Amino acid sequence: MSKITDKTREILEPLLPDLGLELWDVEFVREDGLHYLRVYVDKPEGVSLDDCEALSRLADPLIDEYDELFPEDGYFFEVSSAGAERKLRSPADYARFVGSYAAVRLFKAKFGRKEHLGHIVSTEDGGITIKAKSGEELSFLADEISAVRLRLE
């Protein structure tokens, strides 16, 4: 974690309960020469544009108090939904979405491919098991996994 993302999380956490939101992720990235502070949120019934706007209005002035953490050329602050095809970042996320359809991307090919699609069956020791469309259960160890992302069927 960077100082920027850590401070952003610290600022956002007290604001979220009143808005009914859960913090999914915070990232600070450079794209096409510009910096972006992106906040991804979730809510059981789905995140609306009004939810994103409400959090942005509350958080923006609080984050601005820490300008010394940011590059001199500034940044863009964005708040959005984690999305239907969100990246799952931890075994706790895998467990939360057991039964969901997902893509498991690997560092090296296993079972003939680097990406496998299927429903999440279980998670153990940081790894994940999915059930492919063929009905076969495929298990992957934590150190084999590059990324896991929910997919729409």
N, C-alpha and C. Protein backbone atom coordinates (compact mmCIF):
# COMPACT_ATOMS: atom_id res chain seq x y z
N MET A 1 0.84 -1.19 0.00
CA MET A 1 0.00 0.00 0.00
C MET A 1 0.87 1.25 0.00
N SER A 2 0.37 2.26 -0.62
CA SER A 2 1.10 3.53 -0.63
C SER A 2 0.54 4.44 0.46
N LYS A 3 1.28 5.48 0.77
CA LYS A 3 0.79 6.45 1.75
C LYS A 3 -0.53 7.05 1.29
N ILE A 4 -0.65 7.27 -0.01
CA ILE A 4 -1.87 7.88 -0.56
C ILE A 4 -3.07 6.96 -0.38
N THR A 5 -2.93 5.70 -0.75
CA THR A 5 -4.07 4.78 -0.64
C THR A 5 -4.40 4.50 0.83
N ASP A 6 -3.37 4.37 1.66
CA ASP A 6 -3.61 4.15 3.09
C ASP A 6 -4.36 5.33 3.71
N LYS A 7 -3.93 6.55 3.42
CA LYS A 7 -4.58 7.75 3.97
C LYS A 7 -6.00 7.86 3.43
N THR A 8 -6.21 7.54 2.17
CA THR A 8 -7.55 7.59 1.58
C THR A 8 -8.48 6.61 2.29
N ARG A 9 -8.00 5.40 2.52
CA ARG A 9 -8.81 4.41 3.25
C ARG A 9 -9.17 4.93 4.64
N GLU A 10 -8.19 5.51 5.31
CA GLU A 10 -8.39 6.05 6.66
C GLU A 10 -9.45 7.15 6.65
N ILE A 11 -9.44 7.99 5.64
CA ILE A 11 -10.41 9.08 5.52
C ILE A 11 -11.81 8.54 5.21
N LEU A 12 -11.88 7.55 4.34
CA LEU A 12 -13.18 7.05 3.86
C LEU A 12 -13.92 6.18 4.87
N GLU A 13 -13.19 5.37 5.62
CA GLU A 13 -13.84 4.39 6.51
C GLU A 13 -14.95 4.99 7.38
N PRO A 14 -14.75 6.13 8.05
CA PRO A 14 -15.83 6.66 8.89
C PRO A 14 -17.03 7.21 8.09
N LEU A 15 -16.83 7.51 6.82
CA LEU A 15 -17.91 8.08 6.00
C LEU A 15 -18.86 7.02 5.45
N LEU A 16 -18.35 5.82 5.25
CA LEU A 16 -19.08 4.79 4.53
C LEU A 16 -20.35 4.27 5.21
N PRO A 17 -20.34 4.00 6.53
CA PRO A 17 -21.55 3.44 7.14
C PRO A 17 -22.80 4.30 6.96
N ASP A 18 -22.67 5.60 7.11
CA ASP A 18 -23.84 6.48 6.95
C ASP A 18 -24.39 6.47 5.53
N LEU A 19 -23.54 6.13 4.57
CA LEU A 19 -23.97 6.07 3.17
C LEU A 19 -24.40 4.66 2.77
N GLY A 20 -24.22 3.70 3.68
CA GLY A 20 -24.57 2.31 3.39
C GLY A 20 -23.61 1.65 2.41
N LEU A 21 -22.39 2.17 2.35
CA LEU A 21 -21.41 1.67 1.38
C LEU A 21 -20.30 0.88 2.07
N GLU A 22 -19.67 0.02 1.30
CA GLU A 22 -18.51 -0.75 1.74
C GLU A 22 -17.36 -0.39 0.80
N LEU A 23 -16.20 -0.17 1.37
CA LEU A 23 -15.02 0.12 0.57
C LEU A 23 -14.51 -1.17 -0.06
N TRP A 24 -14.42 -1.19 -1.38
CA TRP A 24 -13.93 -2.38 -2.06
C TRP A 24 -12.43 -2.27 -2.34
N ASP A 25 -12.01 -1.10 -2.86
CA ASP A 25 -10.60 -0.94 -3.19
C ASP A 25 -10.28 0.54 -3.38
N VAL A 26 -9.00 0.86 -3.22
CA VAL A 26 -8.47 2.20 -3.49
C VAL A 26 -7.20 1.99 -4.30
N GLU A 27 -7.07 2.73 -5.38
CA GLU A 27 -5.83 2.66 -6.16
C GLU A 27 -5.39 4.05 -6.58
N PHE A 28 -4.09 4.23 -6.63
CA PHE A 28 -3.51 5.47 -7.13
C PHE A 28 -2.61 5.07 -8.28
N VAL A 29 -3.01 5.48 -9.50
CA VAL A 29 -2.31 5.04 -10.71
C VAL A 29 -1.97 6.21 -11.61
N ARG A 30 -1.00 5.97 -12.47
CA ARG A 30 -0.62 6.95 -13.49
C ARG A 30 -0.99 6.35 -14.85
N GLU A 31 -1.80 7.07 -15.59
CA GLU A 31 -2.23 6.63 -16.93
C GLU A 31 -2.12 7.80 -17.88
N ASP A 32 -1.45 7.59 -18.99
CA ASP A 32 -1.29 8.62 -20.01
C ASP A 32 -0.78 9.93 -19.43
N GLY A 33 0.16 9.83 -18.50
CA GLY A 33 0.78 11.01 -17.92
C GLY A 33 -0.03 11.71 -16.85
N LEU A 34 -1.19 11.17 -16.51
CA LEU A 34 -2.05 11.78 -15.49
C LEU A 34 -2.19 10.83 -14.31
N HIS A 35 -2.38 11.39 -13.11
CA HIS A 35 -2.57 10.59 -11.90
C HIS A 35 -4.06 10.49 -11.57
N TYR A 36 -4.47 9.30 -11.13
CA TYR A 36 -5.86 9.05 -10.75
C TYR A 36 -5.90 8.38 -9.37
N LEU A 37 -6.70 8.95 -8.50
CA LEU A 37 -7.02 8.32 -7.23
C LEU A 37 -8.42 7.74 -7.41
N ARG A 38 -8.49 6.42 -7.45
CA ARG A 38 -9.76 5.74 -7.71
C ARG A 38 -10.22 4.99 -6.48
N VAL A 39 -11.47 5.20 -6.16
CA VAL A 39 -12.11 4.53 -5.02
C VAL A 39 -13.25 3.69 -5.58
N TYR A 40 -13.26 2.42 -5.20
CA TYR A 40 -14.30 1.51 -5.64
C TYR A 40 -15.12 1.10 -4.41
N VAL A 41 -16.43 1.22 -4.52
CA VAL A 41 -17.31 0.90 -3.40
C VAL A 41 -18.34 -0.14 -3.81
N ASP A 42 -18.97 -0.74 -2.81
CA ASP A 42 -19.97 -1.75 -3.05
C ASP A 42 -21.13 -1.54 -2.08
N LYS A 43 -22.26 -2.13 -2.39
CA LYS A 43 -23.46 -2.04 -1.56
C LYS A 43 -24.33 -3.23 -1.94
N PRO A 44 -24.94 -3.92 -0.98
CA PRO A 44 -25.71 -5.13 -1.31
C PRO A 44 -26.73 -4.95 -2.43
N GLU A 45 -27.41 -3.82 -2.43
CA GLU A 45 -28.44 -3.61 -3.47
C GLU A 45 -27.90 -2.93 -4.72
N GLY A 46 -26.60 -2.74 -4.77
CA GLY A 46 -25.96 -2.11 -5.93
C GLY A 46 -25.69 -0.63 -5.68
N VAL A 47 -24.62 -0.16 -6.27
CA VAL A 47 -24.17 1.22 -6.10
C VAL A 47 -24.76 2.08 -7.22
N SER A 48 -25.34 3.22 -6.82
CA SER A 48 -25.92 4.15 -7.80
C SER A 48 -24.96 5.31 -8.05
N LEU A 49 -25.25 6.06 -9.07
CA LEU A 49 -24.47 7.26 -9.36
C LEU A 49 -24.60 8.25 -8.20
N ASP A 50 -25.78 8.32 -7.59
CA ASP A 50 -25.98 9.20 -6.44
C ASP A 50 -25.10 8.78 -5.26
N ASP A 51 -24.91 7.47 -5.06
CA ASP A 51 -24.03 6.98 -4.00
C ASP A 51 -22.60 7.46 -4.24
N CYS A 52 -22.14 7.32 -5.46
CA CYS A 52 -20.77 7.73 -5.81
C CYS A 52 -20.60 9.24 -5.63
N GLU A 53 -21.59 9.98 -6.07
CA GLU A 53 -21.53 11.44 -5.94
C GLU A 53 -21.52 11.86 -4.47
N ALA A 54 -22.35 11.23 -3.66
CA ALA A 54 -22.42 11.58 -2.24
C ALA A 54 -21.08 11.33 -1.55
N LEU A 55 -20.46 10.19 -1.82
CA LEU A 55 -19.16 9.90 -1.22
C LEU A 55 -18.10 10.86 -1.73
N SER A 56 -18.13 11.14 -3.00
CA SER A 56 -17.15 12.06 -3.59
C SER A 56 -17.24 13.45 -2.95
N ARG A 57 -18.45 13.94 -2.78
CA ARG A 57 -18.63 15.28 -2.17
C ARG A 57 -18.13 15.33 -0.73
N LEU A 58 -18.36 14.25 0.01
CA LEU A 58 -17.90 14.20 1.41
C LEU A 58 -16.38 14.02 1.50
N ALA A 59 -15.83 13.15 0.67
CA ALA A 59 -14.42 12.77 0.78
C ALA A 59 -13.46 13.77 0.15
N ASP A 60 -13.86 14.38 -0.95
CA ASP A 60 -12.94 15.24 -1.70
C ASP A 60 -12.29 16.33 -0.85
N PRO A 61 -13.04 17.11 -0.09
CA PRO A 61 -12.38 18.15 0.71
C PRO A 61 -11.49 17.58 1.81
N LEU A 62 -11.83 16.41 2.33
CA LEU A 62 -11.01 15.79 3.37
C LEU A 62 -9.68 15.28 2.80
N ILE A 63 -9.75 14.71 1.60
CA ILE A 63 -8.54 14.22 0.94
C ILE A 63 -7.65 15.39 0.53
N ASP A 64 -8.27 16.49 0.12
CA ASP A 64 -7.51 17.68 -0.28
C ASP A 64 -6.63 18.23 0.84
N GLU A 65 -6.98 17.93 2.09
CA GLU A 65 -6.17 18.38 3.22
C GLU A 65 -4.79 17.73 3.23
N TYR A 66 -4.60 16.68 2.43
CA TYR A 66 -3.34 15.95 2.40
C TYR A 66 -2.63 16.12 1.05
N ASP A 67 -2.71 17.33 0.50
CA ASP A 67 -2.09 17.62 -0.79
C ASP A 67 -0.61 17.27 -0.84
N GLU A 68 0.07 17.33 0.32
CA GLU A 68 1.51 17.06 0.33
C GLU A 68 1.83 15.62 -0.07
N LEU A 69 0.85 14.73 -0.01
CA LEU A 69 1.07 13.34 -0.40
C LEU A 69 1.03 13.14 -1.92
N PHE A 70 0.42 14.09 -2.62
CA PHE A 70 0.16 13.93 -4.04
C PHE A 70 1.21 14.63 -4.90
N PRO A 71 1.35 14.18 -6.15
CA PRO A 71 2.29 14.85 -7.07
C PRO A 71 1.90 16.31 -7.29
N GLU A 72 2.88 17.14 -7.57
CA GLU A 72 2.63 18.58 -7.77
C GLU A 72 1.70 18.85 -8.94
N ASP A 73 1.72 17.98 -9.95
CA ASP A 73 0.89 18.21 -11.12
C ASP A 73 -0.57 17.78 -10.91
N GLY A 74 -0.91 17.38 -9.69
CA GLY A 74 -2.31 17.09 -9.35
C GLY A 74 -2.75 15.68 -9.69
N TYR A 75 -4.03 15.43 -9.51
CA TYR A 75 -4.61 14.12 -9.74
C TYR A 75 -6.11 14.28 -9.96
N PHE A 76 -6.73 13.24 -10.49
CA PHE A 76 -8.17 13.18 -10.65
C PHE A 76 -8.71 12.20 -9.62
N PHE A 77 -9.78 12.60 -8.92
CA PHE A 77 -10.41 11.76 -7.91
C PHE A 77 -11.67 11.16 -8.49
N GLU A 78 -11.77 9.83 -8.47
CA GLU A 78 -12.92 9.14 -9.03
C GLU A 78 -13.50 8.16 -8.01
N VAL A 79 -14.81 8.13 -7.91
CA VAL A 79 -15.51 7.16 -7.06
C VAL A 79 -16.45 6.38 -7.97
N SER A 80 -16.37 5.04 -7.90
CA SER A 80 -17.25 4.24 -8.74
C SER A 80 -17.58 2.92 -8.05
N SER A 81 -18.52 2.23 -8.65
CA SER A 81 -18.91 0.91 -8.18
C SER A 81 -17.76 -0.07 -8.43
N ALA A 82 -17.66 -1.08 -7.59
CA ALA A 82 -16.67 -2.13 -7.82
C ALA A 82 -16.98 -2.88 -9.12
N GLY A 83 -18.22 -2.87 -9.54
CA GLY A 83 -18.61 -3.45 -10.82
C GLY A 83 -18.97 -4.92 -10.76
N ALA A 84 -19.73 -5.35 -11.73
CA ALA A 84 -20.18 -6.74 -11.81
C ALA A 84 -19.02 -7.67 -12.12
N GLU A 85 -18.01 -7.18 -12.84
CA GLU A 85 -16.86 -8.01 -13.19
C GLU A 85 -15.63 -7.56 -12.42
N ARG A 86 -15.81 -7.34 -11.14
CA ARG A 86 -14.75 -6.84 -10.26
C ARG A 86 -13.64 -7.86 -10.06
N LYS A 87 -12.48 -7.33 -9.76
CA LYS A 87 -11.33 -8.17 -9.40
C LYS A 87 -11.47 -8.58 -7.95
N LEU A 88 -11.28 -9.86 -7.68
CA LEU A 88 -11.30 -10.37 -6.32
C LEU A 88 -9.85 -10.35 -5.84
N ARG A 89 -9.62 -9.71 -4.71
CA ARG A 89 -8.25 -9.46 -4.27
C ARG A 89 -7.73 -10.36 -3.17
N SER A 90 -8.59 -11.16 -2.56
CA SER A 90 -8.13 -11.95 -1.43
C SER A 90 -8.96 -13.23 -1.30
N PRO A 91 -8.44 -14.19 -0.54
CA PRO A 91 -9.23 -15.40 -0.28
C PRO A 91 -10.57 -15.10 0.38
N ALA A 92 -10.64 -14.03 1.17
CA ALA A 92 -11.93 -13.64 1.77
C ALA A 92 -12.92 -13.24 0.67
N ASP A 93 -12.42 -12.57 -0.36
CA ASP A 93 -13.28 -12.23 -1.51
C ASP A 93 -13.74 -13.49 -2.22
N TYR A 94 -12.80 -14.45 -2.42
CA TYR A 94 -13.17 -15.71 -3.08
C TYR A 94 -14.30 -16.38 -2.30
N ALA A 95 -14.15 -16.44 -0.98
CA ALA A 95 -15.15 -17.10 -0.14
C ALA A 95 -16.49 -16.37 -0.22
N ARG A 96 -16.46 -15.07 -0.24
CA ARG A 96 -17.68 -14.27 -0.32
C ARG A 96 -18.47 -14.56 -1.60
N PHE A 97 -17.75 -14.89 -2.66
CA PHE A 97 -18.40 -15.09 -3.95
C PHE A 97 -18.44 -16.55 -4.39
N VAL A 98 -18.42 -17.47 -3.42
CA VAL A 98 -18.60 -18.89 -3.75
C VAL A 98 -19.92 -19.03 -4.50
N GLY A 99 -19.88 -19.78 -5.59
CA GLY A 99 -21.06 -19.96 -6.44
C GLY A 99 -21.08 -19.02 -7.64
N SER A 100 -20.30 -17.97 -7.58
CA SER A 100 -20.25 -16.99 -8.67
C SER A 100 -19.34 -17.48 -9.79
N TYR A 101 -19.62 -17.00 -10.99
CA TYR A 101 -18.82 -17.32 -12.16
C TYR A 101 -17.61 -16.40 -12.19
N ALA A 102 -16.42 -16.97 -12.43
CA ALA A 102 -15.20 -16.17 -12.37
C ALA A 102 -14.16 -16.67 -13.36
N ALA A 103 -13.22 -15.80 -13.66
CA ALA A 103 -12.05 -16.14 -14.47
C ALA A 103 -10.84 -16.16 -13.55
N VAL A 104 -10.10 -17.24 -13.60
CA VAL A 104 -8.88 -17.37 -12.81
C VAL A 104 -7.71 -17.29 -13.79
N ARG A 105 -6.91 -16.25 -13.65
CA ARG A 105 -5.73 -16.05 -14.51
C ARG A 105 -4.50 -16.50 -13.72
N LEU A 106 -3.64 -17.26 -14.40
CA LEU A 106 -2.47 -17.83 -13.77
C LEU A 106 -1.18 -17.20 -14.29
N PHE A 107 -0.13 -17.30 -13.50
CA PHE A 107 1.18 -16.83 -13.94
C PHE A 107 1.73 -17.74 -15.04
N LYS A 108 1.51 -19.05 -14.89
CA LYS A 108 1.97 -20.04 -15.87
C LYS A 108 0.80 -20.95 -16.22
N ALA A 109 0.81 -21.46 -17.42
CA ALA A 109 -0.27 -22.34 -17.88
C ALA A 109 -0.38 -23.59 -16.99
N LYS A 110 -1.61 -23.96 -16.71
CA LYS A 110 -1.93 -25.18 -15.97
C LYS A 110 -3.18 -25.76 -16.61
N PHE A 111 -3.24 -27.05 -16.74
CA PHE A 111 -4.34 -27.71 -17.44
C PHE A 111 -4.46 -27.15 -18.86
N GLY A 112 -3.31 -26.78 -19.44
CA GLY A 112 -3.27 -26.36 -20.84
C GLY A 112 -3.57 -24.89 -21.13
N ARG A 113 -3.86 -24.09 -20.08
CA ARG A 113 -4.20 -22.68 -20.32
C ARG A 113 -3.76 -21.82 -19.16
N LYS A 114 -3.66 -20.50 -19.43
CA LYS A 114 -3.33 -19.55 -18.36
C LYS A 114 -4.58 -18.94 -17.74
N GLU A 115 -5.75 -19.11 -18.40
CA GLU A 115 -7.00 -18.58 -17.84
C GLU A 115 -8.06 -19.66 -17.88
N HIS A 116 -8.76 -19.79 -16.75
CA HIS A 116 -9.82 -20.79 -16.62
C HIS A 116 -11.09 -20.12 -16.12
N LEU A 117 -12.22 -20.54 -16.68
CA LEU A 117 -13.52 -20.00 -16.31
C LEU A 117 -14.33 -21.07 -15.59
N GLY A 118 -15.07 -20.63 -14.57
CA GLY A 118 -15.93 -21.57 -13.87
C GLY A 118 -16.54 -20.94 -12.64
N HIS A 119 -17.39 -21.70 -11.99
CA HIS A 119 -18.04 -21.24 -10.76
C HIS A 119 -17.11 -21.53 -9.58
N ILE A 120 -16.98 -20.56 -8.69
CA ILE A 120 -16.13 -20.74 -7.51
C ILE A 120 -16.80 -21.76 -6.60
N VAL A 121 -16.05 -22.82 -6.28
CA VAL A 121 -16.55 -23.89 -5.43
C VAL A 121 -16.07 -23.68 -4.00
N SER A 122 -14.78 -23.37 -3.85
CA SER A 122 -14.23 -23.22 -2.50
C SER A 122 -12.90 -22.48 -2.56
N THR A 123 -12.43 -22.15 -1.37
CA THR A 123 -11.11 -21.54 -1.23
C THR A 123 -10.44 -22.17 -0.02
N GLU A 124 -9.16 -22.42 -0.16
CA GLU A 124 -8.40 -23.01 0.94
C GLU A 124 -6.95 -22.59 0.84
N ASP A 125 -6.38 -22.16 1.96
CA ASP A 125 -4.97 -21.74 2.04
C ASP A 125 -4.62 -20.70 0.97
N GLY A 126 -5.56 -19.79 0.68
CA GLY A 126 -5.31 -18.72 -0.28
C GLY A 126 -5.55 -19.12 -1.72
N GLY A 127 -5.77 -20.41 -1.96
CA GLY A 127 -6.04 -20.89 -3.31
C GLY A 127 -7.54 -20.91 -3.60
N ILE A 128 -7.88 -21.42 -4.77
CA ILE A 128 -9.29 -21.42 -5.18
C ILE A 128 -9.58 -22.66 -6.01
N THR A 129 -10.80 -23.17 -5.88
CA THR A 129 -11.27 -24.27 -6.71
C THR A 129 -12.49 -23.79 -7.46
N ILE A 130 -12.50 -24.05 -8.78
CA ILE A 130 -13.65 -23.68 -9.61
C ILE A 130 -14.20 -24.94 -10.29
N LYS A 131 -15.46 -24.86 -10.66
CA LYS A 131 -16.07 -25.94 -11.44
C LYS A 131 -16.25 -25.42 -12.85
N ALA A 132 -15.51 -26.01 -13.78
CA ALA A 132 -15.56 -25.59 -15.18
C ALA A 132 -16.88 -26.06 -15.82
N LYS A 133 -17.18 -25.52 -16.99
CA LYS A 133 -18.41 -25.91 -17.69
C LYS A 133 -18.45 -27.40 -17.99
N SER A 134 -17.27 -28.00 -18.13
CA SER A 134 -17.17 -29.44 -18.38
C SER A 134 -17.61 -30.25 -17.17
N GLY A 135 -17.74 -29.59 -16.00
CA GLY A 135 -18.10 -30.27 -14.76
C GLY A 135 -16.88 -30.63 -13.93
N GLU A 136 -15.70 -30.47 -14.50
CA GLU A 136 -14.45 -30.80 -13.81
C GLU A 136 -14.13 -29.71 -12.79
N GLU A 137 -13.69 -30.11 -11.60
CA GLU A 137 -13.24 -29.16 -10.60
C GLU A 137 -11.75 -28.95 -10.75
N LEU A 138 -11.34 -27.68 -10.86
CA LEU A 138 -9.95 -27.31 -11.05
C LEU A 138 -9.49 -26.49 -9.85
N SER A 139 -8.38 -26.90 -9.26
CA SER A 139 -7.86 -26.21 -8.07
C SER A 139 -6.55 -25.51 -8.42
N PHE A 140 -6.37 -24.33 -7.83
CA PHE A 140 -5.19 -23.53 -8.08
C PHE A 140 -4.64 -23.04 -6.75
N LEU A 141 -3.33 -23.15 -6.58
CA LEU A 141 -2.67 -22.69 -5.37
C LEU A 141 -2.51 -21.17 -5.41
N ALA A 142 -2.42 -20.56 -4.24
CA ALA A 142 -2.31 -19.10 -4.14
C ALA A 142 -1.15 -18.56 -4.98
N ASP A 143 0.01 -19.23 -4.96
CA ASP A 143 1.17 -18.71 -5.68
C ASP A 143 1.11 -18.93 -7.19
N GLU A 144 0.09 -19.65 -7.65
CA GLU A 144 -0.12 -19.84 -9.09
C GLU A 144 -1.02 -18.75 -9.68
N ILE A 145 -1.79 -18.08 -8.82
CA ILE A 145 -2.84 -17.17 -9.26
C ILE A 145 -2.31 -15.76 -9.49
N SER A 146 -2.52 -15.27 -10.68
CA SER A 146 -2.17 -13.90 -11.03
C SER A 146 -3.33 -12.96 -10.68
N ALA A 147 -4.56 -13.38 -11.02
CA ALA A 147 -5.74 -12.56 -10.76
C ALA A 147 -7.00 -13.42 -10.84
N VAL A 148 -8.00 -13.03 -10.07
CA VAL A 148 -9.32 -13.65 -10.14
C VAL A 148 -10.31 -12.52 -10.33
N ARG A 149 -11.17 -12.66 -11.33
CA ARG A 149 -12.14 -11.61 -11.63
C ARG A 149 -13.51 -12.25 -11.88
N LEU A 150 -14.55 -11.67 -11.27
CA LEU A 150 -15.91 -12.13 -11.54
C LEU A 150 -16.22 -11.91 -13.01
N ARG A 151 -17.01 -12.77 -13.58
CA ARG A 151 -17.44 -12.64 -14.97
C ARG A 151 -18.95 -12.83 -15.04
N LEU A 152 -19.56 -12.15 -15.99
CA LEU A 152 -20.97 -12.37 -16.27
C LEU A 152 -21.07 -13.58 -17.18
N GLU A 153 -22.06 -14.43 -16.92
CA GLU A 153 -22.22 -15.63 -17.76
C GLU A 153 -22.96 -15.27 -19.02
